């Protein structure tokens, strides 16, 4: 890591937010910056064995020990919030894009996409729970309902229940006299 140039270090740190495999579009969304620069940085990381590449699926992954190291470096750099926000935003956008395809002839492609991103979707939901982003958590659960009915209904139910209970708790604890004023 110390031998990497600063841009490659930054890319490596930001890629650590992916609990699952990722493609270059997802990497660019999370790392930020020009898609070509991110693709070049990811390729250099793969050449140095810091990122693994599956040629068949055209996806990348960090080994868990390297991922944990990257998360530590991300925290040290004070970039965790930014990277996690981009990560969650990317997967919420993916949920918006893929969910409607479950209702038409795009079902097979949407199913394949969401299966490939299952670990990352779960990671985005966990981050939303940790950060108390109940709106995004509920949105993920609702958008991906059709997918999770088939694959993991307990996940979506847990996300939705958590978001709703947290939102209701916030409503219950609201001082309505102050709100009216």
Protein backbone atom coordinates (compact mmCIF):
# COMPACT_ATOMS: atom_id res chain seq x y z
CA UNK A 1 0.00 0.00 0.00
CA UNK A 2 2.78 2.41 0.92
CA UNK A 3 4.42 1.81 -2.47
CA UNK A 4 1.29 2.86 -4.38
CA UNK A 5 0.94 6.30 -5.86
CA UNK A 6 -1.60 8.52 -4.02
CA UNK A 7 -4.42 8.00 -6.55
CA UNK A 8 -4.04 4.21 -6.39
CA UNK A 9 -4.03 4.39 -2.57
CA UNK A 10 -7.23 6.44 -2.64
CA UNK A 11 -8.84 3.99 -5.07
CA UNK A 12 -7.84 1.01 -2.92
CA UNK A 13 -9.23 2.66 0.24
CA UNK A 14 -12.56 3.44 -1.39
CA UNK A 15 -12.92 -0.02 -2.93
CA UNK A 16 -12.76 -1.45 0.58
CA UNK A 17 -16.41 -0.46 1.16
CA UNK A 18 -17.49 -3.27 -1.21
CA UNK A 19 -18.25 -6.41 0.81
CA UNK A 20 -18.88 -8.24 -2.47
CA UNK A 21 -17.51 -8.19 -5.96
CA UNK A 22 -17.91 -5.10 -8.12
CA UNK A 23 -17.68 -3.96 -11.71
CA UNK A 24 -15.86 -0.91 -12.99
CA UNK A 25 -19.02 1.21 -13.11
CA UNK A 26 -19.64 0.60 -9.41
CA UNK A 27 -15.98 1.29 -8.64
CA UNK A 28 -16.14 4.60 -10.51
CA UNK A 29 -19.33 5.58 -8.67
CA UNK A 30 -17.78 4.93 -5.27
CA UNK A 31 -14.25 6.17 -5.93
CA UNK A 32 -15.45 9.21 -7.86
CA UNK A 33 -13.61 10.81 -10.70
CA UNK A 34 -13.18 9.87 -14.33
CA UNK A 35 -14.24 6.31 -15.30
CA UNK A 36 -11.04 5.80 -17.30
CA UNK A 37 -8.82 6.87 -14.42
CA UNK A 38 -10.63 4.54 -12.03
CA UNK A 39 -10.42 1.66 -14.52
CA UNK A 40 -6.69 2.27 -14.87
CA UNK A 41 -6.21 2.44 -11.10
CA UNK A 42 -8.21 -0.78 -10.56
CA UNK A 43 -6.15 -2.52 -13.26
CA UNK A 44 -2.94 -1.44 -11.55
CA UNK A 45 -4.26 -2.73 -8.22
CA UNK A 46 -5.11 -6.06 -9.88
CA UNK A 47 -1.59 -6.25 -11.35
CA UNK A 48 -0.22 -5.88 -7.82
CA UNK A 49 -2.62 -8.54 -6.47
CA UNK A 50 -4.40 -6.06 -4.21
CA UNK A 51 -7.62 -6.68 -6.12
CA UNK A 52 -8.63 -9.97 -7.72
CA UNK A 53 -10.24 -10.05 -11.15
CA UNK A 54 -12.63 -12.66 -12.52
CA UNK A 55 -12.32 -12.42 -16.29
CA UNK A 56 -15.48 -14.45 -16.92
CA UNK A 57 -17.76 -12.13 -14.96
CA UNK A 58 -15.61 -9.00 -15.49
CA UNK A 59 -15.86 -8.30 -11.78
CA UNK A 60 -13.30 -7.45 -9.14
CA UNK A 61 -13.02 -8.22 -5.44
CA UNK A 62 -10.80 -7.48 -2.48
CA UNK A 63 -9.78 -10.39 -0.30
CA UNK A 64 -11.29 -9.89 3.16
CA UNK A 65 -7.97 -9.23 4.91
CA UNK A 66 -7.08 -6.59 2.32
CA UNK A 67 -10.57 -5.16 2.56
CA UNK A 68 -10.22 -4.75 6.32
CA UNK A 69 -6.84 -3.09 5.84
CA UNK A 70 -8.40 -0.77 3.27
CA UNK A 71 -11.24 0.13 5.63
CA UNK A 72 -8.69 1.03 8.30
CA UNK A 73 -6.82 3.26 5.81
CA UNK A 74 -10.15 4.79 4.74
CA UNK A 75 -10.95 5.69 8.35
CA UNK A 76 -7.45 7.09 8.90
CA UNK A 77 -7.91 9.31 5.84
CA UNK A 78 -11.28 10.55 7.14
CA UNK A 79 -13.00 9.36 3.95
CA UNK A 80 -15.31 6.68 5.30
CA UNK A 81 -18.46 8.80 5.25
CA UNK A 82 -17.91 9.97 1.67
CA UNK A 83 -17.16 6.50 0.35
CA UNK A 84 -20.10 4.90 2.18
CA UNK A 85 -22.49 7.64 1.01
CA UNK A 86 -21.44 7.07 -2.60
CA UNK A 87 -21.70 3.31 -2.10
CA UNK A 88 -25.25 3.54 -0.72
CA UNK A 89 -26.30 6.04 -3.40
CA UNK A 90 -24.97 3.79 -6.15
CA UNK A 91 -26.87 0.76 -4.90
CA UNK A 92 -30.06 2.71 -4.31
CA UNK A 93 -29.82 3.93 -7.93
CA UNK A 94 -29.25 0.32 -9.00
CA UNK A 95 -32.36 -0.73 -7.07
CA UNK A 96 -34.40 1.99 -8.82
CA UNK A 97 -33.07 0.88 -12.20
CA UNK A 98 -33.48 -2.88 -11.77
CA UNK A 99 -36.73 -3.14 -9.78
CA UNK A 100 -39.08 -2.25 -12.66
CA UNK A 101 -37.43 -4.86 -14.87
CA UNK A 102 -38.83 -7.58 -12.61
CA UNK A 103 -42.26 -6.76 -14.04
CA UNK A 104 -41.39 -7.22 -17.71
CA UNK A 105 -39.17 -9.10 -20.14
CA UNK A 106 -36.07 -7.77 -18.35
CA UNK A 107 -36.64 -10.12 -15.42
CA UNK A 108 -33.77 -12.48 -16.23
CA UNK A 109 -31.21 -9.69 -16.62
CA UNK A 110 -32.44 -7.89 -13.49
CA UNK A 111 -32.29 -11.11 -11.50
CA UNK A 112 -28.72 -11.79 -12.67
CA UNK A 113 -27.65 -8.24 -11.84
CA UNK A 114 -29.12 -8.30 -8.34
CA UNK A 115 -27.70 -11.74 -7.62
CA UNK A 116 -24.23 -10.44 -8.53
CA UNK A 117 -24.76 -7.44 -6.23
CA UNK A 118 -26.43 -9.26 -3.31
CA UNK A 119 -23.52 -8.80 -0.89
CA UNK A 120 -23.21 -5.13 -1.81
CA UNK A 121 -26.94 -4.51 -1.44
CA UNK A 122 -26.79 -6.12 2.00
CA UNK A 123 -23.73 -3.97 2.80
CA UNK A 124 -25.60 -0.81 1.76
CA UNK A 125 -28.54 -1.80 3.97
CA UNK A 126 -26.27 -2.48 6.94
CA UNK A 127 -24.60 0.91 6.51
CA UNK A 128 -28.03 2.58 6.39
CA UNK A 129 -28.94 0.89 9.65
CA UNK A 130 -25.68 1.95 11.32
CA UNK A 131 -26.13 5.54 10.16
CA UNK A 132 -29.85 5.60 10.96
CA UNK A 133 -30.69 6.37 7.34
CA UNK A 134 -34.15 4.88 7.64
CA UNK A 135 -35.43 6.57 4.49
CA UNK A 136 -32.78 4.93 2.29
CA UNK A 137 -33.16 1.60 4.07
CA UNK A 138 -36.93 1.58 3.53
CA UNK A 139 -36.45 2.66 -0.08
CA UNK A 140 -34.05 -0.24 -0.72
CA UNK A 141 -36.46 -2.73 0.84
CA UNK A 142 -39.47 -1.45 -1.10
CA UNK A 143 -37.65 -1.17 -4.44
CA UNK A 144 -36.18 -4.65 -4.17
CA UNK A 145 -39.25 -6.35 -2.79
CA UNK A 146 -39.88 -8.45 -5.89
CA UNK A 147 -36.31 -9.72 -5.88
CA UNK A 148 -36.29 -10.50 -2.18
CA UNK A 149 -39.58 -12.39 -2.31
CA UNK A 150 -37.66 -15.00 -4.30
CA UNK A 151 -34.18 -14.74 -2.84
CA UNK A 152 -34.19 -13.58 0.77
CA UNK A 153 -37.56 -12.36 2.03
CA UNK A 154 -36.26 -12.22 5.60
CA UNK A 155 -33.67 -9.58 4.62
CA UNK A 156 -36.20 -7.23 3.06
CA UNK A 157 -38.67 -7.75 5.92
CA UNK A 158 -35.96 -7.02 8.47
CA UNK A 159 -34.86 -3.87 6.64
CA UNK A 160 -38.40 -2.60 6.26
CA UNK A 161 -39.39 -3.46 9.83
CA UNK A 162 -36.24 -1.79 11.21
CA UNK A 163 -36.83 1.36 9.16
CA UNK A 164 -40.50 1.57 10.08
CA UNK A 165 -39.94 0.89 13.78
CA UNK A 166 -37.16 3.48 13.92
CA UNK A 167 -39.32 6.01 12.11
CA UNK A 168 -42.24 5.33 14.45
CA UNK A 169 -39.95 5.66 17.47
CA UNK A 170 -38.78 9.01 16.15
CA UNK A 171 -42.40 10.08 15.71
CA UNK A 172 -43.32 8.90 19.21
CA UNK A 173 -40.44 10.84 20.74
CA UNK A 174 -41.24 14.04 18.86
CA UNK A 175 -42.34 16.91 21.06
CA UNK A 176 -45.44 17.88 19.08
CA UNK A 177 -45.90 21.10 21.03
CA UNK A 178 -42.55 22.33 19.68
CA UNK A 179 -43.46 21.20 16.16
CA UNK A 180 -46.70 23.21 16.27
CA UNK A 181 -44.85 26.34 17.41
